[in-house]
Amino acid sequence: MAEAPMQDPARPWPPPAGAYAEERGLFQLLQNMLEELLIHKPDDPIEFMINHLKQNNDDAPRICVLGPPASGKTTVKIPNALWANLIQERLSNVDCIKQGWILEGFPENQEQAWMLQSSGIFPRHVVMLCAPDTVLIERSGGKRLDPLTQEVFHTTFHWPSDPLVQQRLVEPEDLSEQEVSKKLLEYHRNFPEIFHIYQKVLKSINADQPSVDVLSQVLAFVQTRHRSAAPFTPRILFFGPPGSGKSLQAALIAQKYDVVNICCGQLLKEAVADNTKLGELVKPYIDSGCPVPDNLVLKLLTERLNALDCLTNGWVLSGFPRDVKQGEQLQKAQMNPNRVFFFNLPYESIMERLSQRRTDPVTGERYHSTFRPAPTPEIQARLRQNPKDKEENIEKRLDTYYSNIKALEHFYQDAFYVNADQDPYVIFEFIESCIIKPLPCKNIRSL
């Protein structure tokens, strides 16, 4: 997000236009088309772009799986130039263009990587499997080959059930400890160059663990989208029970990225304090402690979210919507969030955080019996508890929150879930990573 092009503050995108472009990936589409034009340099750019759009393959996976011998991938020794031609020919087929591809064990060195690039082949994700050399040598020693079918088995991980197959298995000639050590030496010599070329799209994954765990980590990586240079205006929603830390995280995000921090409850109080027309309508409800009608809240909120600073810098909102009906109203007003977070916190932690809060009526300073006790007995003696922090009132607020949250989770299906029972700065780093990266690609979730 910090690296994305900034919009002209004098001419921010209107909410409908910006939301439409972001929801349909128009900025990313234009960026992808420009990249393809510069890579392929077609004689007829217009015809090329038309064909590119017809292919509709910008989200198709393009994955390289690399790693040393016995890390969980296979390799075949073929001359570099022939390899590049074969791969270019295969990846040009309709199935690869439409559905994407996974390239295993190639490139093995810098020359092969450059050949791929000169052919216009750029992987979106490079998975580098890694494991200690001792483990890899041990794995290689357990491999057995069926000379009849050329299928590879392993004495520990993949042993055939058929006794006839077991009897005819032989140890491959090129997998002696000396041969594997030689291949590992070559791999370690070439790896830094490969890493340098693909470092922005590469992830190293420990292959010395169960294959199910390796696969899980690989899938999680290839489902991510890399940071884009396309314009992006953050519109963030925070949901969470009282005491889950929404306000702190919103303040941290606003401070670092200059987005506008909007708390719905605070917005209502400010409208009353400023004696605005809407504030006069809201005041009786605030004074009596009754819920403010949705139409007044939405009108006030729409007015604030349409302000120049929100349109230009984006916003982070908490306290609204409280139920699906309000979420639908926000959607109809074309104030759609592009990042939604649900904070989860155990009941015991909520009670510990809220019921022990106290305020000094003299200085207005806030304290907590466990996390920030009063520094002197005098201050301790005069501390007061806000009525809303009494256990019975906390339980009422929690009942209201939990009665609506499941429906809201269903309404915002692309939301992220935050473990709020940990260090605030760990939470912030997780939220930040979800904001600055594009949403996971739905097209490859079923890989």
Protein backbone atom coordinates (compact mmCIF):
# COMPACT_ATOMS: atom_id res chain seq x y z
CA MET A 1 0.00 0.00 0.00
CA ALA A 2 2.80 2.42 0.84
CA GLU A 3 4.40 1.85 -2.54
CA ALA A 4 1.23 2.20 -4.61
CA PRO A 5 0.81 5.32 -6.76
CA MET A 6 -0.97 8.08 -4.88
CA GLN A 7 -4.05 9.65 -6.39
CA ASP A 8 -4.15 13.36 -7.06
CA PRO A 9 -5.63 14.84 -3.83
CA ALA A 10 -7.46 17.46 -5.87
CA ARG A 11 -9.18 14.79 -7.97
CA PRO A 12 -9.88 11.69 -5.84
CA TRP A 13 -11.80 8.79 -7.32
CA PRO A 14 -15.54 9.10 -6.61
CA PRO A 15 -16.59 6.16 -4.39
CA PRO A 16 -18.61 4.34 -7.11
CA ALA A 17 -15.83 4.65 -9.70
CA GLY A 18 -13.03 3.65 -7.34
CA ALA A 19 -14.99 0.72 -5.91
CA TYR A 20 -15.94 -0.51 -9.38
CA ALA A 21 -12.33 -0.39 -10.59
CA GLU A 22 -10.97 -2.16 -7.51
CA GLU A 23 -13.66 -4.86 -7.33
CA ARG A 24 -13.09 -5.82 -10.97
CA GLY A 25 -9.33 -5.43 -10.87
CA LEU A 26 -9.21 -2.82 -13.65
CA PHE A 27 -6.01 -1.19 -12.40
CA GLN A 28 -4.26 -4.56 -12.20
CA LEU A 29 -5.64 -5.55 -15.60
CA LEU A 30 -4.15 -2.47 -17.24
CA GLN A 31 -0.83 -3.09 -15.49
CA ASN A 32 -0.78 -6.73 -16.67
CA MET A 33 -1.56 -5.72 -20.26
CA LEU A 34 1.25 -3.17 -20.27
CA GLU A 35 3.69 -5.75 -18.91
CA GLU A 36 2.68 -8.25 -21.62
CA LEU A 37 3.11 -5.62 -24.34
CA LEU A 38 6.61 -4.75 -23.15
CA ILE A 39 7.59 -8.43 -22.86
CA HIS A 40 6.29 -9.61 -26.24
CA LYS A 41 6.61 -6.35 -28.25
CA PRO A 42 3.90 -7.28 -30.78
CA ASP A 43 3.72 -5.56 -34.17
CA ASP A 44 0.00 -4.94 -33.62
CA PRO A 45 -0.48 -3.93 -29.95
CA ILE A 46 -4.27 -3.49 -30.30
CA GLU A 47 -4.80 -6.99 -31.73
CA PHE A 48 -2.44 -8.40 -29.09
CA MET A 49 -4.42 -6.77 -26.25
CA ILE A 50 -7.71 -8.03 -27.69
CA ASN A 51 -6.35 -11.58 -27.74
CA HIS A 52 -4.96 -11.13 -24.24
CA LEU A 53 -8.37 -10.10 -22.92
CA LYS A 54 -10.04 -13.03 -24.69
CA GLN A 55 -7.69 -15.45 -22.95
CA ASN A 56 -8.81 -14.12 -19.55
CA ASN A 57 -5.83 -15.77 -17.84
CA ASP A 58 -4.33 -13.04 -15.66
CA ASP A 59 -5.14 -15.07 -12.54
CA ALA A 60 -4.00 -18.42 -13.93
CA PRO A 61 -1.24 -19.90 -11.74
CA ARG A 62 2.33 -19.78 -13.06
CA ILE A 63 4.49 -21.68 -10.59
CA CYS A 64 8.05 -22.95 -10.52
CA VAL A 65 8.94 -25.65 -7.98
CA LEU A 66 12.70 -25.76 -7.39
CA GLY A 67 15.04 -27.39 -4.92
CA PRO A 68 18.04 -29.66 -4.43
CA PRO A 69 18.06 -33.39 -5.27
CA ALA A 70 15.65 -35.46 -3.12
CA SER A 71 13.83 -32.36 -1.83
CA GLY A 72 10.56 -33.56 -3.32
CA LYS A 73 10.78 -32.71 -7.04
CA THR A 74 12.27 -34.47 -10.03
CA THR A 75 14.81 -33.33 -12.64
CA VAL A 76 15.86 -34.47 -16.10
CA LYS A 77 19.14 -33.51 -17.69
CA ILE A 78 18.53 -31.86 -21.07
CA PRO A 79 20.64 -29.12 -22.74
CA ASN A 80 19.60 -25.60 -21.73
CA ALA A 81 18.57 -24.37 -25.18
CA LEU A 82 16.49 -27.48 -25.86
CA TRP A 83 14.90 -27.22 -22.41
CA ALA A 84 13.87 -23.60 -23.06
CA ASN A 85 12.39 -24.44 -26.49
CA LEU A 86 10.48 -27.42 -25.13
CA ILE A 87 9.10 -25.43 -22.22
CA GLN A 88 8.14 -22.44 -24.38
CA GLU A 89 6.33 -24.76 -26.80
CA ARG A 90 4.49 -26.59 -24.02
CA LEU A 91 3.49 -23.47 -22.08
CA SER A 92 2.12 -21.92 -25.28
CA ASN A 93 -0.57 -24.60 -25.51
CA VAL A 94 -4.14 -23.56 -24.81
CA ASP A 95 -4.45 -25.55 -21.58
CA CYS A 96 -1.42 -23.83 -20.03
CA ILE A 97 -2.56 -20.39 -21.17
CA LYS A 98 -6.08 -20.83 -19.81
CA GLN A 99 -5.47 -22.96 -16.70
CA GLY A 100 -1.92 -21.98 -15.77
CA TRP A 101 1.10 -24.22 -15.22
CA ILE A 102 3.50 -25.69 -12.67
CA LEU A 103 7.09 -26.06 -13.86
CA GLU A 104 9.06 -28.60 -11.84
CA GLY A 105 12.84 -28.56 -11.44
CA PHE A 106 13.49 -25.79 -13.96
CA PRO A 107 15.33 -23.43 -14.16
CA GLU A 108 18.38 -24.98 -12.48
CA ASN A 109 20.79 -22.12 -13.13
CA GLN A 110 21.03 -18.49 -14.16
CA GLU A 111 21.36 -19.24 -17.87
CA GLN A 112 18.15 -21.26 -17.91
CA ALA A 113 16.30 -18.53 -15.98
CA TRP A 114 17.41 -15.91 -18.50
CA MET A 115 16.29 -18.13 -21.37
CA LEU A 116 12.84 -18.36 -19.82
CA GLN A 117 12.66 -14.59 -19.43
CA SER A 118 13.79 -13.96 -23.00
CA SER A 119 10.96 -16.28 -24.09
CA GLY A 120 8.43 -14.19 -22.13
CA ILE A 121 7.97 -16.82 -19.42
CA PHE A 122 7.73 -15.26 -15.97
CA PRO A 123 6.50 -17.36 -13.01
CA ARG A 124 4.23 -15.58 -10.54
CA HIS A 125 5.36 -17.84 -7.68
CA VAL A 126 8.64 -19.70 -7.21
CA VAL A 127 8.62 -22.39 -4.51
CA MET A 128 12.10 -23.31 -3.29
CA LEU A 129 12.09 -26.57 -1.30
CA CYS A 130 15.04 -26.84 1.09
CA ALA A 131 16.41 -29.34 3.60
CA PRO A 132 19.77 -30.16 5.22
CA ASP A 133 22.21 -31.99 2.94
CA THR A 134 22.40 -34.93 5.37
CA VAL A 135 18.64 -35.43 5.09
CA LEU A 136 18.72 -35.21 1.31
CA ILE A 137 21.54 -37.74 1.02
CA GLU A 138 19.70 -40.10 3.35
CA ARG A 139 16.50 -39.74 1.30
CA SER A 140 18.34 -40.45 -1.93
CA GLY A 141 19.76 -43.65 -0.49
CA GLY A 142 16.26 -45.04 0.00
CA LYS A 143 15.12 -44.58 -3.61
CA ARG A 144 14.42 -47.66 -5.71
CA LEU A 145 13.59 -47.93 -9.41
CA ASP A 146 11.19 -50.29 -11.16
CA PRO A 147 13.15 -51.16 -14.37
CA LEU A 148 9.93 -52.31 -16.05
CA THR A 149 7.84 -49.16 -15.55
CA GLN A 150 10.61 -46.68 -14.62
CA GLU A 151 8.50 -45.67 -11.60
CA VAL A 152 10.48 -44.48 -8.57
CA PHE A 153 9.71 -45.83 -5.09
CA HIS A 154 11.24 -45.26 -1.65
CA THR A 155 12.02 -47.71 1.13
CA THR A 156 10.52 -45.38 3.75
CA PHE A 157 8.05 -43.02 2.13
CA HIS A 158 6.64 -44.85 -0.91
CA TRP A 159 6.97 -48.64 -0.91
CA PRO A 160 4.90 -50.72 -3.39
CA SER A 161 2.31 -53.11 -1.97
CA ASP A 162 2.74 -55.66 -4.78
CA PRO A 163 5.39 -58.31 -3.82
CA LEU A 164 6.30 -58.83 -7.48
CA VAL A 165 7.12 -55.14 -7.88
CA GLN A 166 9.12 -55.22 -4.64
CA GLN A 167 11.28 -58.08 -5.92
CA ARG A 168 12.29 -56.38 -9.16
CA LEU A 169 13.17 -52.97 -7.67
CA VAL A 170 16.78 -51.87 -8.13
CA GLU A 171 18.88 -49.06 -6.71
CA PRO A 172 19.37 -46.28 -9.30
CA GLU A 173 22.95 -46.03 -10.50
CA ASP A 174 23.11 -42.23 -10.35
CA LEU A 175 21.92 -41.95 -6.72
CA SER A 176 25.03 -43.09 -4.85
CA GLU A 177 26.10 -40.88 -1.95
CA GLN A 178 29.01 -39.52 -4.04
CA GLU A 179 26.73 -38.72 -6.98
CA VAL A 180 24.14 -36.99 -4.78
CA SER A 181 26.87 -34.99 -3.01
CA LYS A 182 28.15 -33.84 -6.40
CA LYS A 183 24.63 -32.72 -7.44
CA LEU A 184 24.16 -30.89 -4.13
CA LEU A 185 27.43 -29.04 -4.64
CA GLU A 186 26.26 -27.92 -8.07
CA TYR A 187 22.89 -26.87 -6.65
CA HIS A 188 24.47 -24.76 -3.90
CA ARG A 189 26.68 -23.08 -6.49
CA ASN A 190 23.72 -22.11 -8.67
CA PHE A 191 21.12 -21.31 -6.00
CA PRO A 192 22.27 -17.72 -5.16
CA GLU A 193 21.88 -16.68 -8.82
CA ILE A 194 18.40 -18.23 -9.02
CA PHE A 195 17.41 -16.56 -5.77
CA HIS A 196 18.63 -13.16 -7.01
CA ILE A 197 16.55 -13.42 -10.20
CA TYR A 198 13.33 -14.57 -8.53
CA GLN A 199 13.70 -13.07 -5.04
CA LYS A 200 10.54 -10.94 -5.30
CA VAL A 201 8.35 -13.97 -6.09
CA LEU A 202 10.27 -16.70 -4.27
CA LYS A 203 9.51 -18.45 -0.99
CA SER A 204 11.72 -21.05 0.68
CA ILE A 205 9.83 -23.90 2.33
CA ASN A 206 11.31 -26.52 4.65
CA ALA A 207 10.99 -29.88 2.90
CA ASP A 208 12.17 -31.79 6.00
CA GLN A 209 8.65 -32.28 7.33
CA PRO A 210 5.60 -34.39 6.44
CA SER A 211 4.55 -33.94 2.79
CA VAL A 212 1.06 -32.85 3.89
CA ASP A 213 2.57 -29.91 5.80
CA VAL A 214 4.81 -29.00 2.86
CA LEU A 215 1.81 -29.03 0.51
CA SER A 216 -0.22 -26.88 2.90
CA GLN A 217 2.50 -24.22 3.01
CA VAL A 218 2.98 -24.31 -0.77
CA LEU A 219 -0.76 -23.86 -1.37
CA ALA A 220 -0.92 -20.96 1.09
CA PHE A 221 1.92 -19.24 -0.78
CA VAL A 222 0.68 -19.75 -4.35
CA GLN A 223 -2.78 -18.50 -3.39
CA THR A 224 -1.34 -15.12 -2.43
CA ARG A 225 -1.00 -12.22 -4.82
CA HIS A 226 2.09 -10.07 -4.81
CA ARG A 227 2.00 -6.37 -4.06
CA SER A 228 0.80 -4.32 -6.98
CA ALA A 229 1.66 -0.87 -8.29
CA ALA A 230 -2.02 -0.33 -9.09
CA PRO A 231 -3.75 2.53 -7.17
CA PHE A 232 -5.34 1.32 -3.95
CA THR A 233 -7.42 3.27 -1.44
CA PRO A 234 -7.82 1.35 1.85
CA ARG A 235 -11.39 1.01 3.11
CA ILE A 236 -11.10 -1.11 6.24
CA LEU A 237 -13.72 -2.50 8.63
CA PHE A 238 -12.90 -3.76 12.13
CA PHE A 239 -15.29 -6.06 13.99
CA GLY A 240 -14.68 -7.39 17.46
CA PRO A 241 -16.10 -7.71 20.97
CA PRO A 242 -15.54 -4.95 23.53
CA GLY A 243 -11.94 -4.95 24.73
CA SER A 244 -10.52 -6.75 21.68
CA GLY A 245 -8.21 -3.87 20.76
CA LYS A 246 -9.96 -2.49 17.67
CA SER A 247 -9.35 1.12 18.68
CA LEU A 248 -5.62 0.60 19.23
CA GLN A 249 -5.14 -1.20 15.92
CA ALA A 250 -7.15 1.43 14.04
CA ALA A 251 -4.99 4.16 15.59
CA LEU A 252 -1.78 2.33 14.60
CA ILE A 253 -2.95 1.83 11.00
CA ALA A 254 -4.09 5.45 10.75
CA GLN A 255 -0.80 6.72 12.16
CA LYS A 256 1.41 4.70 9.82
CA TYR A 257 -0.58 4.98 6.59
CA ASP A 258 -2.40 8.27 7.08
CA VAL A 259 -5.84 6.72 6.60
CA VAL A 260 -8.76 8.36 8.43
CA ASN A 261 -9.67 6.64 11.71
CA ILE A 262 -13.45 6.65 12.22
CA CYS A 263 -15.17 5.24 15.29
CA CYS A 264 -18.93 5.37 14.77
CA GLY A 265 -19.71 6.07 18.44
CA GLN A 266 -17.16 8.87 18.58
CA LEU A 267 -18.52 10.32 15.33
CA LEU A 268 -22.00 10.56 16.86
CA LYS A 269 -20.64 12.31 19.96
CA GLU A 270 -18.65 14.76 17.84
CA ALA A 271 -21.77 15.64 15.82
CA VAL A 272 -23.61 16.42 19.07
CA ALA A 273 -20.70 18.45 20.47
CA ASP A 274 -20.41 20.48 17.24
CA ASN A 275 -24.13 21.30 17.29
CA THR A 276 -24.61 20.26 13.67
CA LYS A 277 -28.11 19.70 12.28
CA LEU A 278 -27.59 15.96 12.38
CA GLY A 279 -26.09 16.33 15.84
CA GLU A 280 -29.29 17.99 17.10
CA LEU A 281 -31.29 15.01 15.82
CA VAL A 282 -28.89 12.55 17.40
CA LYS A 283 -28.59 14.31 20.79
CA PRO A 284 -31.84 13.03 22.38
CA TYR A 285 -30.82 9.43 21.71
CA ILE A 286 -27.32 9.95 23.10
CA ASP A 287 -28.65 11.68 26.24
CA SER A 288 -31.20 8.94 26.90
CA GLY A 289 -28.79 6.09 26.12
CA CYS A 290 -31.08 4.73 23.40
CA PRO A 291 -29.73 3.41 20.07
CA VAL A 292 -29.52 6.05 17.35
CA PRO A 293 -31.77 5.11 14.38
CA ASP A 294 -29.93 3.54 11.46
CA ASN A 295 -30.99 6.24 8.98
CA LEU A 296 -29.36 8.99 11.09
CA VAL A 297 -26.18 6.96 11.67
CA LEU A 298 -25.89 6.11 7.98
CA LYS A 299 -26.49 9.70 6.91
CA LEU A 300 -23.79 10.96 9.26
CA LEU A 301 -21.40 8.17 8.27
CA THR A 302 -21.97 8.66 4.51
CA GLU A 303 -21.26 12.35 4.90
CA ARG A 304 -17.99 11.62 6.70
CA LEU A 305 -16.82 8.88 4.33
CA ASN A 306 -17.48 11.16 1.36
CA ALA A 307 -15.21 13.86 2.80
CA LEU A 308 -12.08 14.67 0.78
CA ASP A 309 -9.62 13.13 3.26
CA CYS A 310 -11.49 9.79 3.26
CA LEU A 311 -11.77 9.71 -0.53
CA THR A 312 -8.10 10.55 -0.95
CA ASN A 313 -6.40 8.58 1.87
CA GLY A 314 -8.95 5.88 2.68
CA TRP A 315 -10.47 5.00 6.05
CA VAL A 316 -10.62 2.46 8.86
CA LEU A 317 -14.05 2.13 10.46
CA SER A 318 -15.19 0.42 13.68
CA GLY A 319 -18.55 0.39 15.46
CA PHE A 320 -20.60 0.09 12.25
CA PRO A 321 -22.23 -1.99 10.89
CA ARG A 322 -23.48 -3.85 13.95
CA ASP A 323 -25.72 -6.24 12.01
CA VAL A 324 -26.32 -7.45 8.47
CA LYS A 325 -29.10 -4.92 7.84
CA GLN A 326 -26.68 -2.08 8.53
CA GLY A 327 -24.07 -3.82 6.36
CA GLU A 328 -26.56 -3.92 3.49
CA GLN A 329 -27.32 -0.23 4.00
CA LEU A 330 -23.61 0.58 3.85
CA GLN A 331 -23.38 -1.46 0.65
CA LYS A 332 -26.32 0.38 -0.93
CA ALA A 333 -24.63 3.67 -0.08
CA GLN A 334 -21.64 2.36 -2.13
CA MET A 335 -19.32 2.51 0.88
CA ASN A 336 -17.96 -1.00 0.39
CA PRO A 337 -14.87 -2.01 2.40
CA ASN A 338 -12.01 -3.75 0.61
CA ARG A 339 -10.55 -5.24 3.80
CA VAL A 340 -12.59 -6.67 6.70
CA PHE A 341 -11.18 -8.01 9.97
CA PHE A 342 -12.89 -9.95 12.76
CA PHE A 343 -11.08 -9.81 16.13
CA ASN A 344 -11.47 -12.93 18.29
CA LEU A 345 -10.86 -12.82 22.04
CA PRO A 346 -11.81 -15.38 24.75
CA TYR A 347 -14.48 -14.41 27.26
CA GLU A 348 -12.02 -14.58 30.20
CA SER A 349 -9.61 -12.17 28.48
CA ILE A 350 -12.42 -9.73 27.69
CA MET A 351 -13.51 -9.68 31.34
CA GLU A 352 -9.93 -9.27 32.56
CA ARG A 353 -9.29 -6.36 30.19
CA LEU A 354 -12.52 -4.45 30.84
CA SER A 355 -13.67 -5.16 34.40
CA GLN A 356 -10.34 -4.04 35.89
CA ARG A 357 -10.22 -0.68 34.10
CA ARG A 358 -10.33 2.40 36.34
CA THR A 359 -10.19 6.17 35.82
CA ASP A 360 -8.69 8.90 38.01
CA PRO A 361 -11.46 11.56 38.33
CA VAL A 362 -8.86 14.23 39.15
CA THR A 363 -6.47 13.81 36.20
CA GLY A 364 -8.60 11.75 33.80
CA GLU A 365 -5.74 9.22 33.61
CA ARG A 366 -6.73 5.61 32.95
CA TYR A 367 -5.34 2.62 34.86
CA HIS A 368 -5.75 -1.15 34.98
CA SER A 369 -5.47 -3.30 38.08
CA THR A 370 -3.25 -5.87 36.33
CA PHE A 371 -1.61 -4.22 33.32
CA ARG A 372 -1.22 -0.61 34.55
CA PRO A 373 -1.84 -0.23 38.29
CA ALA A 374 -1.97 3.20 39.95
CA PRO A 375 1.51 4.40 40.99
CA THR A 376 0.55 5.51 44.53
CA PRO A 377 -1.97 4.47 47.24
CA GLU A 378 -3.53 7.98 47.07
CA ILE A 379 -4.37 7.64 43.39
CA GLN A 380 -5.53 4.06 43.93
CA ALA A 381 -7.98 5.20 46.61
CA ARG A 382 -9.74 7.72 44.35
CA LEU A 383 -10.03 5.60 41.20
CA ARG A 384 -13.53 5.06 39.80
CA GLN A 385 -15.01 2.41 37.52
CA ASN A 386 -17.09 3.34 34.48
CA PRO A 387 -20.53 1.71 34.86
CA LYS A 388 -20.20 0.14 31.40
CA ASP A 389 -17.17 -1.82 32.71
CA LYS A 390 -19.16 -3.64 35.38
CA GLU A 391 -19.37 -7.35 34.63
CA GLU A 392 -23.15 -7.42 34.17
CA ASN A 393 -22.98 -4.57 31.63
CA ILE A 394 -20.04 -6.17 29.80
CA GLU A 395 -22.09 -9.36 29.45
CA LYS A 396 -25.02 -7.42 27.97
CA ARG A 397 -22.74 -5.82 25.38
CA LEU A 398 -21.21 -9.21 24.55
CA ASP A 399 -24.66 -10.78 24.12
CA THR A 400 -25.56 -8.04 21.61
CA TYR A 401 -22.28 -8.50 19.75
CA TYR A 402 -22.42 -12.30 19.54
CA SER A 403 -26.07 -12.33 18.48
CA ASN A 404 -25.12 -10.64 15.19
CA ILE A 405 -21.53 -11.65 14.50
CA LYS A 406 -22.16 -15.00 12.75
CA ALA A 407 -24.45 -13.38 10.21
CA LEU A 408 -21.89 -10.61 9.63
CA GLU A 409 -19.13 -13.19 9.11
CA HIS A 410 -21.29 -14.82 6.45
CA PHE A 411 -22.01 -11.42 4.88
CA TYR A 412 -18.29 -10.54 4.66
CA GLN A 413 -16.97 -13.86 3.37
CA ASP A 414 -13.54 -12.54 2.31
CA ALA A 415 -12.75 -11.32 5.82
CA PHE A 416 -9.56 -11.99 7.79
CA TYR A 417 -9.66 -13.36 11.35
CA VAL A 418 -7.40 -11.92 14.02
CA ASN A 419 -6.26 -13.62 17.22
CA ALA A 420 -6.61 -10.60 19.50
CA ASP A 421 -5.21 -12.43 22.54
CA GLN A 422 -1.55 -11.67 21.78
CA ASP A 423 0.93 -8.80 21.69
CA PRO A 424 -0.63 -5.70 20.01
CA TYR A 425 2.33 -5.22 17.68
CA VAL A 426 2.17 -8.83 16.50
CA ILE A 427 -1.50 -8.20 15.71
CA PHE A 428 -0.60 -4.98 13.90
CA GLU A 429 1.97 -6.74 11.70
CA PHE A 430 -0.61 -9.35 10.69
CA ILE A 431 -3.25 -6.71 9.87
CA GLU A 432 -0.70 -4.63 7.98
CA SER A 433 0.36 -7.62 5.86
CA CYS A 434 -3.27 -8.29 4.91
CA ILE A 435 -3.82 -4.67 3.90
CA ILE A 436 -0.75 -4.09 1.76
CA LYS A 437 -1.11 -7.35 -0.20
CA PRO A 438 -3.96 -8.09 -2.64
CA LEU A 439 -6.65 -10.52 -1.55
CA PRO A 440 -5.93 -14.23 -2.14
CA CYS A 441 -6.72 -15.43 -5.66
CA LYS A 442 -10.00 -17.38 -5.62
CA ASN A 443 -9.24 -19.08 -8.94
CA ILE A 444 -6.50 -21.29 -7.47
CA ARG A 445 -7.94 -22.13 -4.06
CA SER A 446 -8.92 -25.55 -5.34
CA LEU A 447 -5.39 -26.51 -6.49
